[in-house]
Amino acid sequence: MKKGILLVTFGANNLQAHQTLRLLDERVRSRFDGVNVRLAFTSELIRDRLAAQRVKRDSVVKALEKMAFENYTHIAVQSLHIIPGVEYEDLCAHAKTLVTSSRLQNVSVGAPLLNSEKDIAQVVSAIIRHIPPSRKAEEGVVFMGHGSSHEGDSCYDAVYQQLQQIDPNIFLGTMDGNHTLEHILPELADRDIKRVWLMPFLSVVGRHARNDMAGSDDDSWKSQIEAAGIRCTPMVLGLAEYSSFVDIWLDHLEATLRLL
């Protein structure tokens, strides 16, 4: 048996995201000493952009095929996604294909950040711990996730409902899905909130966090909140930059390694 770990994320093409992933990689290597670790990006667009800069990053299939060629037999593939959505299902399908083709003996896929009621409770606890310390109780905190038409989008709703029970001035919305900024803006007005702390609910900081959330264009979340007469302070840090969220992914990875 030759074990390996493959970390899988959508990908990003900026220094902050690369540093975040490098630190996460170090956390994985430290916790699972002696098991080799690889990284794959699911986004073909990101991989192409990196290739143009002469930076190589494998797809999931390519990374698994390389590991099979290097005689790995048992691989724990850890999703760094937020919800069990389309990308997570694709990841599971790729892993199954490599096993059924007899290229690998055993491939187990670790769950994304939000995959159970326990995960949701832990994520809510981590969110509360990482609220900016200078935020006042009457000020709002708005998290921006990606969202999806997939049924896994319900995980965002579950987190949002628990946050509201703890602090009704903390909101979680998504760019797509059931609860967008269109739903949050009236809630901010109803509570007469004058200032909002705007934070990404995304694994790493990429285009969505920099442009769609905190950008200067009229359609960014920051601009729309300010257009509603609310002072807005973006905090552009991905979830993987906080140890409390990383711990959840690593717990999933540990459970996956035990299955091999």
C-alpha atoms as a PDB file:
ATOM      1  CA  MET A   1       0.000   0.000   0.000  1.00  0.00           C
ATOM      2  CA  LYS A   2       1.238   3.476  -0.933  1.00  0.00           C
ATOM      3  CA  LYS A   3      -0.952   6.247   0.449  1.00  0.00           C
ATOM      4  CA  GLY A   4      -1.275   9.792  -0.846  1.00  0.00           C
ATOM      5  CA  ILE A   5      -3.386  12.899  -0.303  1.00  0.00           C
ATOM      6  CA  LEU A   6      -4.833  15.049  -3.071  1.00  0.00           C
ATOM      7  CA  LEU A   7      -6.237  18.431  -2.047  1.00  0.00           C
ATOM      8  CA  VAL A   8      -8.788  19.792  -4.516  1.00  0.00           C
ATOM      9  CA  THR A   9      -9.999  23.367  -4.864  1.00  0.00           C
ATOM     10  CA  PHE A  10     -11.612  25.459  -7.586  1.00  0.00           C
ATOM     11  CA  GLY A  11      -8.386  27.433  -7.877  1.00  0.00           C
ATOM     12  CA  ALA A  12      -7.315  31.065  -7.952  1.00  0.00           C
ATOM     13  CA  ASN A  13      -4.679  33.129  -9.696  1.00  0.00           C
ATOM     14  CA  ASN A  14      -3.395  35.634  -7.160  1.00  0.00           C
ATOM     15  CA  LEU A  15      -0.632  35.756  -4.570  1.00  0.00           C
ATOM     16  CA  GLN A  16      -2.963  35.810  -1.544  1.00  0.00           C
ATOM     17  CA  ALA A  17      -4.724  32.615  -2.627  1.00  0.00           C
ATOM     18  CA  HIS A  18      -1.436  30.860  -3.448  1.00  0.00           C
ATOM     19  CA  GLN A  19      -0.035  31.763  -0.017  1.00  0.00           C
ATOM     20  CA  THR A  20      -3.218  30.519   1.649  1.00  0.00           C
ATOM     21  CA  LEU A  21      -3.049  27.193  -0.170  1.00  0.00           C
ATOM     22  CA  ARG A  22       0.627  26.824   0.666  1.00  0.00           C
ATOM     23  CA  LEU A  23      -0.053  27.335   4.362  1.00  0.00           C
ATOM     24  CA  LEU A  24      -2.953  24.879   4.201  1.00  0.00           C
ATOM     25  CA  ASP A  25      -0.657  22.378   2.506  1.00  0.00           C
ATOM     26  CA  GLU A  26       1.803  22.813   5.378  1.00  0.00           C
ATOM     27  CA  ARG A  27      -0.980  22.193   7.901  1.00  0.00           C
ATOM     28  CA  VAL A  28      -1.897  18.966   6.109  1.00  0.00           C
ATOM     29  CA  ARG A  29       1.713  17.754   5.948  1.00  0.00           C
ATOM     30  CA  SER A  30       2.217  18.526   9.628  1.00  0.00           C
ATOM     31  CA  ARG A  31      -0.922  16.689  10.745  1.00  0.00           C
ATOM     32  CA  PHE A  32      -0.460  13.694   8.427  1.00  0.00           C
ATOM     33  CA  ASP A  33       3.293  13.304   8.592  1.00  0.00           C
ATOM     34  CA  GLY A  34       4.723  10.814   6.125  1.00  0.00           C
ATOM     35  CA  VAL A  35       1.849  10.983   3.617  1.00  0.00           C
ATOM     36  CA  ASN A  36       2.687  12.813   0.383  1.00  0.00           C
ATOM     37  CA  VAL A  37       0.372  15.688  -0.540  1.00  0.00           C
ATOM     38  CA  ARG A  38      -0.610  16.995  -3.987  1.00  0.00           C
ATOM     39  CA  LEU A  39      -2.907  19.840  -5.100  1.00  0.00           C
ATOM     40  CA  ALA A  40      -5.349  20.032  -8.029  1.00  0.00           C
ATOM     41  CA  PHE A  41      -7.536  22.825  -9.438  1.00  0.00           C
ATOM     42  CA  THR A  42     -10.964  22.045 -10.876  1.00  0.00           C
ATOM     43  CA  SER A  43     -11.185  25.276 -12.912  1.00  0.00           C
ATOM     44  CA  GLU A  44      -9.890  24.846 -16.451  1.00  0.00           C
ATOM     45  CA  LEU A  45      -9.881  28.626 -16.902  1.00  0.00           C
ATOM     46  CA  ILE A  46      -7.631  29.133 -13.877  1.00  0.00           C
ATOM     47  CA  ARG A  47      -5.307  26.345 -15.009  1.00  0.00           C
ATOM     48  CA  ASP A  48      -5.041  27.923 -18.474  1.00  0.00           C
ATOM     49  CA  ARG A  49      -4.247  31.338 -17.012  1.00  0.00           C
ATOM     50  CA  LEU A  50      -1.557  29.833 -14.813  1.00  0.00           C
ATOM     51  CA  ALA A  51      -0.132  27.903 -17.768  1.00  0.00           C
ATOM     52  CA  ALA A  52       0.192  31.190 -19.662  1.00  0.00           C
ATOM     53  CA  GLN A  53       2.363  32.356 -16.768  1.00  0.00           C
ATOM     54  CA  ARG A  54       4.348  29.115 -16.969  1.00  0.00           C
ATOM     55  CA  VAL A  55       2.829  27.820 -13.739  1.00  0.00           C
ATOM     56  CA  LYS A  56       1.669  24.200 -13.886  1.00  0.00           C
ATOM     57  CA  ARG A  57      -1.410  23.045 -11.993  1.00  0.00           C
ATOM     58  CA  ASP A  58      -3.068  19.701 -12.652  1.00  0.00           C
ATOM     59  CA  SER A  59      -6.733  18.881 -13.025  1.00  0.00           C
ATOM     60  CA  VAL A  60      -8.161  16.248 -10.696  1.00  0.00           C
ATOM     61  CA  VAL A  61      -7.990  13.518 -13.329  1.00  0.00           C
ATOM     62  CA  LYS A  62      -4.434  14.437 -14.346  1.00  0.00           C
ATOM     63  CA  ALA A  63      -3.267  14.519 -10.721  1.00  0.00           C
ATOM     64  CA  LEU A  64      -4.805  11.116  -9.994  1.00  0.00           C
ATOM     65  CA  GLU A  65      -3.343   9.620 -13.173  1.00  0.00           C
ATOM     66  CA  LYS A  66       0.121  10.891 -12.213  1.00  0.00           C
ATOM     67  CA  MET A  67      -0.224   9.385  -8.764  1.00  0.00           C
ATOM     68  CA  ALA A  68      -1.302   6.074 -10.282  1.00  0.00           C
ATOM     69  CA  PHE A  69       1.758   6.183 -12.558  1.00  0.00           C
ATOM     70  CA  GLU A  70       3.927   6.780  -9.472  1.00  0.00           C
ATOM     71  CA  ASN A  71       2.485   3.586  -7.945  1.00  0.00           C
ATOM     72  CA  TYR A  72       0.190   5.156  -5.387  1.00  0.00           C
ATOM     73  CA  THR A  73      -2.519   2.651  -4.543  1.00  0.00           C
ATOM     74  CA  HIS A  74      -4.679   4.390  -1.912  1.00  0.00           C
ATOM     75  CA  ILE A  75      -5.509   8.095  -2.206  1.00  0.00           C
ATOM     76  CA  ALA A  76      -7.519  10.373   0.058  1.00  0.00           C
ATOM     77  CA  VAL A  77      -8.962  13.152  -2.088  1.00  0.00           C
ATOM     78  CA  GLN A  78      -9.989  16.095   0.081  1.00  0.00           C
ATOM     79  CA  SER A  79     -12.482  18.587  -1.281  1.00  0.00           C
ATOM     80  CA  LEU A  80     -11.797  22.182  -0.247  1.00  0.00           C
ATOM     81  CA  HIS A  81     -15.208  23.238  -1.534  1.00  0.00           C
ATOM     82  CA  ILE A  82     -17.888  24.752   0.703  1.00  0.00           C
ATOM     83  CA  ILE A  83     -20.972  22.670  -0.117  1.00  0.00           C
ATOM     84  CA  PRO A  84     -21.663  19.215  -1.593  1.00  0.00           C
ATOM     85  CA  GLY A  85     -22.647  20.654  -4.959  1.00  0.00           C
ATOM     86  CA  VAL A  86     -21.902  19.995  -8.642  1.00  0.00           C
ATOM     87  CA  GLU A  87     -18.117  20.297  -8.325  1.00  0.00           C
ATOM     88  CA  TYR A  88     -18.067  17.900  -5.396  1.00  0.00           C
ATOM     89  CA  GLU A  89     -20.185  15.379  -7.317  1.00  0.00           C
ATOM     90  CA  ASP A  90     -17.827  15.683 -10.307  1.00  0.00           C
ATOM     91  CA  LEU A  91     -14.896  15.082  -7.978  1.00  0.00           C
ATOM     92  CA  CYS A  92     -16.475  11.892  -6.648  1.00  0.00           C
ATOM     93  CA  ALA A  93     -17.191  10.738 -10.215  1.00  0.00           C
ATOM     94  CA  HIS A  94     -13.569  11.285 -11.294  1.00  0.00           C
ATOM     95  CA  ALA A  95     -12.325   9.294  -8.312  1.00  0.00           C
ATOM     96  CA  LYS A  96     -14.715   6.434  -9.039  1.00  0.00           C
ATOM     97  CA  THR A  97     -13.623   6.325 -12.691  1.00  0.00           C
ATOM     98  CA  LEU A  98      -9.970   5.864 -11.756  1.00  0.00           C
ATOM     99  CA  VAL A  99     -10.860   3.000  -9.416  1.00  0.00           C
ATOM    100  CA  THR A 100     -13.212   1.187 -11.798  1.00  0.00           C
ATOM    101  CA  SER A 101     -10.568   1.415 -14.523  1.00  0.00           C
ATOM    102  CA  SER A 102      -8.210  -0.438 -12.132  1.00  0.00           C
ATOM    103  CA  ARG A 103      -5.687   2.429 -12.236  1.00  0.00           C
ATOM    104  CA  LEU A 104      -5.967   2.795  -8.455  1.00  0.00           C
ATOM    105  CA  GLN A 105      -7.003   0.332  -5.766  1.00  0.00           C
ATOM    106  CA  ASN A 106      -8.830   2.720  -3.466  1.00  0.00           C
ATOM    107  CA  VAL A 107      -9.778   6.387  -3.678  1.00  0.00           C
ATOM    108  CA  SER A 108     -11.896   7.993  -0.946  1.00  0.00           C
ATOM    109  CA  VAL A 109     -13.215  11.551  -1.201  1.00  0.00           C
ATOM    110  CA  GLY A 110     -13.398  13.753   1.877  1.00  0.00           C
ATOM    111  CA  ALA A 111     -16.511  15.833   2.458  1.00  0.00           C
ATOM    112  CA  PRO A 112     -16.595  19.585   1.777  1.00  0.00           C
ATOM    113  CA  LEU A 113     -16.855  22.137   4.567  1.00  0.00           C
ATOM    114  CA  LEU A 114     -20.628  21.855   5.012  1.00  0.00           C
ATOM    115  CA  ASN A 115     -21.730  18.243   4.835  1.00  0.00           C
ATOM    116  CA  SER A 116     -23.555  17.477   8.094  1.00  0.00           C
ATOM    117  CA  GLU A 117     -25.385  19.105  10.975  1.00  0.00           C
ATOM    118  CA  LYS A 118     -22.179  18.861  13.003  1.00  0.00           C
ATOM    119  CA  ASP A 119     -20.255  20.705  10.255  1.00  0.00           C
ATOM    120  CA  ILE A 120     -22.871  23.451  10.150  1.00  0.00           C
ATOM    121  CA  ALA A 121     -22.707  23.942  13.920  1.00  0.00           C
ATOM    122  CA  GLN A 122     -18.893  24.062  13.822  1.00  0.00           C
ATOM    123  CA  VAL A 123     -18.897  26.550  10.943  1.00  0.00           C
ATOM    124  CA  VAL A 124     -21.370  28.813  12.746  1.00  0.00           C
ATOM    125  CA  SER A 125     -19.157  28.698  15.840  1.00  0.00           C
ATOM    126  CA  ALA A 126     -16.095  29.536  13.730  1.00  0.00           C
ATOM    127  CA  ILE A 127     -17.907  32.463  12.080  1.00  0.00           C
ATOM    128  CA  ILE A 128     -18.796  33.944  15.465  1.00  0.00           C
ATOM    129  CA  ARG A 129     -15.184  33.588  16.653  1.00  0.00           C
ATOM    130  CA  HIS A 130     -13.803  35.353  13.579  1.00  0.00           C
ATOM    131  CA  ILE A 131     -16.125  38.350  13.466  1.00  0.00           C
ATOM    132  CA  PRO A 132     -13.894  41.482  13.405  1.00  0.00           C
ATOM    133  CA  PRO A 133     -13.288  42.397  17.075  1.00  0.00           C
ATOM    134  CA  SER A 134     -13.934  46.106  16.442  1.00  0.00           C
ATOM    135  CA  ARG A 135     -17.443  45.398  15.107  1.00  0.00           C
ATOM    136  CA  LYS A 136     -20.171  46.825  17.319  1.00  0.00           C
ATOM    137  CA  ALA A 137     -23.368  44.919  18.167  1.00  0.00           C
ATOM    138  CA  GLU A 138     -25.591  47.299  16.184  1.00  0.00           C
ATOM    139  CA  GLU A 139     -23.442  46.916  13.068  1.00  0.00           C
ATOM    140  CA  GLY A 140     -24.187  44.290  10.452  1.00  0.00           C
ATOM    141  CA  VAL A 141     -21.926  41.517   9.182  1.00  0.00           C
ATOM    142  CA  VAL A 142     -22.671  40.217   5.684  1.00  0.00           C
ATOM    143  CA  PHE A 143     -20.987  37.102   4.302  1.00  0.00           C
ATOM    144  CA  MET A 144     -20.970  36.464   0.558  1.00  0.00           C
ATOM    145  CA  GLY A 145     -20.928  32.861  -0.680  1.00  0.00           C
ATOM    146  CA  HIS A 146     -21.039  31.547  -4.211  1.00  0.00           C
ATOM    147  CA  GLY A 147     -24.374  29.749  -4.179  1.00  0.00           C
ATOM    148  CA  SER A 148     -25.773  27.154  -6.544  1.00  0.00           C
ATOM    149  CA  SER A 149     -28.934  25.813  -8.150  1.00  0.00           C
ATOM    150  CA  HIS A 150     -27.881  22.421  -6.734  1.00  0.00           C
ATOM    151  CA  GLU A 151     -29.753  21.093  -3.706  1.00  0.00           C
ATOM    152  CA  GLY A 152     -26.518  21.477  -1.718  1.00  0.00           C
ATOM    153  CA  ASP A 153     -27.321  25.217  -1.658  1.00  0.00           C
ATOM    154  CA  SER A 154     -29.578  24.428   1.309  1.00  0.00           C
ATOM    155  CA  CYS A 155     -26.416  24.231   3.451  1.00  0.00           C
ATOM    156  CA  TYR A 156     -26.086  28.024   3.181  1.00  0.00           C
ATOM    157  CA  ASP A 157     -29.655  28.421   4.417  1.00  0.00           C
ATOM    158  CA  ALA A 158     -28.948  26.174   7.405  1.00  0.00           C
ATOM    159  CA  VAL A 159     -25.903  28.249   8.375  1.00  0.00           C
ATOM    160  CA  TYR A 160     -27.839  31.492   7.912  1.00  0.00           C
ATOM    161  CA  GLN A 161     -30.714  30.344  10.117  1.00  0.00           C
ATOM    162  CA  GLN A 162     -28.378  29.356  12.950  1.00  0.00           C
ATOM    163  CA  LEU A 163     -26.477  32.646  12.673  1.00  0.00           C
ATOM    164  CA  GLN A 164     -29.731  34.588  12.907  1.00  0.00           C
ATOM    165  CA  GLN A 165     -30.645  32.756  16.101  1.00  0.00           C
ATOM    166  CA  ILE A 166     -27.344  33.832  17.666  1.00  0.00           C
ATOM    167  CA  ASP A 167     -27.113  37.357  16.234  1.00  0.00           C
ATOM    168  CA  PRO A 168     -29.830  38.801  13.950  1.00  0.00           C
ATOM    169  CA  ASN A 169     -27.342  41.321  12.563  1.00  0.00           C
ATOM    170  CA  ILE A 170     -25.216  38.602  10.921  1.00  0.00           C
ATOM    171  CA  PHE A 171     -26.265  37.648   7.398  1.00  0.00           C
ATOM    172  CA  LEU A 172     -25.165  35.064   4.846  1.00  0.00           C
ATOM    173  CA  GLY A 173     -26.068  35.523   1.198  1.00  0.00           C
ATOM    174  CA  THR A 174     -24.876  34.083  -2.095  1.00  0.00           C
ATOM    175  CA  MET A 175     -24.288  35.347  -5.619  1.00  0.00           C
ATOM    176  CA  ASP A 176     -26.556  32.568  -6.906  1.00  0.00           C
ATOM    177  CA  GLY A 177     -29.107  30.458  -5.087  1.00  0.00           C
ATOM    178  CA  ASN A 178     -32.015  31.111  -2.749  1.00  0.00           C
ATOM    179  CA  HIS A 179     -30.760  34.002  -0.617  1.00  0.00           C
ATOM    180  CA  THR A 180     -28.972  36.754  -2.508  1.00  0.00           C
ATOM    181  CA  LEU A 181     -28.079  40.367  -1.742  1.00  0.00           C
ATOM    182  CA  GLU A 182     -31.544  41.349  -3.017  1.00  0.00           C
ATOM    183  CA  HIS A 183     -32.980  39.560   0.002  1.00  0.00           C
ATOM    184  CA  ILE A 184     -30.412  40.947   2.455  1.00  0.00           C
ATOM    185  CA  LEU A 185     -30.674  44.660   1.599  1.00  0.00           C
ATOM    186  CA  PRO A 186     -34.288  44.971   2.845  1.00  0.00           C
ATOM    187  CA  GLU A 187     -33.315  43.135   6.032  1.00  0.00           C
ATOM    188  CA  LEU A 188     -30.514  45.639   6.632  1.00  0.00           C
ATOM    189  CA  ALA A 189     -32.986  48.487   6.119  1.00  0.00           C
ATOM    190  CA  ASP A 190     -35.574  46.918   8.454  1.00  0.00           C
ATOM    191  CA  ARG A 191     -32.975  46.766  11.233  1.00  0.00           C
ATOM    192  CA  ASP A 192     -31.787  50.321  10.494  1.00  0.00           C
ATOM    193  CA  ILE A 193     -28.176  49.134  10.177  1.00  0.00           C
ATOM    194  CA  LYS A 194     -25.803  51.998   9.409  1.00  0.00           C
ATOM    195  CA  ARG A 195     -22.579  50.042   8.916  1.00  0.00           C
ATOM    196  CA  VAL A 196     -21.793  46.631   7.445  1.00  0.00           C
ATOM    197  CA  TRP A 197     -18.686  44.476   7.664  1.00  0.00           C
ATOM    198  CA  LEU A 198     -18.544  42.575   4.363  1.00  0.00           C
ATOM    199  CA  MET A 199     -16.726  39.218   4.328  1.00  0.00           C
ATOM    200  CA  PRO A 200     -16.321  36.360   1.806  1.00  0.00           C
ATOM    201  CA  PHE A 201     -17.744  32.940   2.582  1.00  0.00           C
ATOM    202  CA  LEU A 202     -15.345  31.381   0.071  1.00  0.00           C
ATOM    203  CA  SER A 203     -12.405  29.010   0.483  1.00  0.00           C
ATOM    204  CA  VAL A 204      -9.792  31.406  -0.887  1.00  0.00           C
ATOM    205  CA  VAL A 205      -9.752  34.949  -2.164  1.00  0.00           C
ATOM    206  CA  GLY A 206     -10.129  35.154  -5.931  1.00  0.00           C
ATOM    207  CA  ARG A 207     -12.081  37.132  -8.506  1.00  0.00           C
ATOM    208  CA  HIS A 208     -15.398  36.759  -6.681  1.00  0.00           C
ATOM    209  CA  ALA A 209     -14.094  38.185  -3.408  1.00  0.00           C
ATOM    210  CA  ARG A 210     -12.022  40.953  -4.992  1.00  0.00           C
ATOM    211  CA  ASN A 211     -14.477  42.040  -7.695  1.00  0.00           C
ATOM    212  CA  ASP A 212     -17.997  40.716  -7.082  1.00  0.00           C
ATOM    213  CA  MET A 213     -17.848  41.373  -3.345  1.00  0.00           C
ATOM    214  CA  ALA A 214     -15.391  44.199  -2.666  1.00  0.00           C
ATOM    215  CA  GLY A 215     -14.954  45.734  -6.133  1.00  0.00           C
ATOM    216  CA  SER A 216     -15.696  49.305  -7.202  1.00  0.00           C
ATOM    217  CA  ASP A 217     -18.125  48.458 -10.031  1.00  0.00           C
ATOM    218  CA  ASP A 218     -21.750  49.435  -9.480  1.00  0.00           C
ATOM    219  CA  ASP A 219     -22.911  45.815  -9.276  1.00  0.00           C
ATOM    220  CA  SER A 220     -20.464  44.703  -6.572  1.00  0.00           C
ATOM    221  CA  TRP A 221     -21.933  43.904  -3.161  1.00  0.00           C
ATOM    222  CA  LYS A 222     -19.923  46.733  -1.606  1.00  0.00           C
ATOM    223  CA  SER A 223     -21.241  49.270  -4.098  1.00  0.00           C
ATOM    224  CA  GLN A 224     -24.837  48.105  -3.759  1.00  0.00           C
ATOM    225  CA  ILE A 225     -24.681  48.264   0.040  1.00  0.00           C
ATOM    226  CA  GLU A 226     -23.185  51.748  -0.103  1.00  0.00           C
ATOM    227  CA  ALA A 227     -25.816  52.802  -2.643  1.00  0.00           C
ATOM    228  CA  ALA A 228     -28.405  51.876   0.001  1.00  0.00           C
ATOM    229  CA  GLY A 229     -26.808  54.487   2.282  1.00  0.00           C
ATOM    230  CA  ILE A 230     -24.920  52.011   4.467  1.00  0.00           C
ATOM    231  CA  ARG A 231     -21.236  52.365   5.288  1.00  0.00           C
ATOM    232  CA  CYS A 232     -19.416  49.225   4.128  1.00  0.00           C
ATOM    233  CA  THR A 233     -16.065  47.816   5.260  1.00  0.00           C
ATOM    234  CA  PRO A 234     -14.834  44.767   3.269  1.00  0.00           C
ATOM    235  CA  MET A 235     -12.594  42.189   4.949  1.00  0.00           C
ATOM    236  CA  VAL A 236     -11.050  40.239   2.067  1.00  0.00           C
ATOM    237  CA  LEU A 237      -9.935  36.998   3.713  1.00  0.00           C
ATOM    238  CA  GLY A 238     -10.902  33.487   2.582  1.00  0.00           C
ATOM    239  CA  LEU A 239     -12.151  30.834   5.006  1.00  0.00           C
ATOM    240  CA  ALA A 240      -8.962  28.806   4.506  1.00  0.00           C
ATOM    241  CA  GLU A 241      -7.058  31.691   6.105  1.00  0.00           C
ATOM    242  CA  TYR A 242      -8.733  30.920   9.448  1.00  0.00           C
ATOM    243  CA  SER A 243      -7.579  27.882  11.399  1.00  0.00           C
ATOM    244  CA  SER A 244     -11.063  27.095  12.733  1.00  0.00           C
ATOM    245  CA  PHE A 245     -12.404  26.422   9.230  1.00  0.00           C
ATOM    246  CA  VAL A 246      -9.273  24.546   8.139  1.00  0.00           C
ATOM    247  CA  ASP A 247      -9.674  22.254  11.142  1.00  0.00           C
ATOM    248  CA  ILE A 248     -13.048  21.094   9.794  1.00  0.00           C
ATOM    249  CA  TRP A 249     -11.594  20.190   6.403  1.00  0.00           C
ATOM    250  CA  LEU A 250      -8.710  18.372   8.102  1.00  0.00           C
ATOM    251  CA  ASP A 251     -11.102  16.408  10.308  1.00  0.00           C
ATOM    252  CA  HIS A 252     -12.885  15.273   7.130  1.00  0.00           C
ATOM    253  CA  LEU A 253      -9.530  14.308   5.634  1.00  0.00           C
ATOM    254  CA  GLU A 254      -8.604  12.304   8.717  1.00  0.00           C
ATOM    255  CA  ALA A 255     -11.890  10.385   8.490  1.00  0.00           C
ATOM    256  CA  THR A 256     -11.213   9.743   4.797  1.00  0.00           C
ATOM    257  CA  LEU A 257      -7.714   8.402   5.451  1.00  0.00           C
ATOM    258  CA  ARG A 258      -9.171   5.970   7.983  1.00  0.00           C
ATOM    259  CA  LEU A 259     -11.371   4.530   5.217  1.00  0.00           C
ATOM    260  CA  LEU A 260      -8.414   3.634   2.990  1.00  0.00           C
END
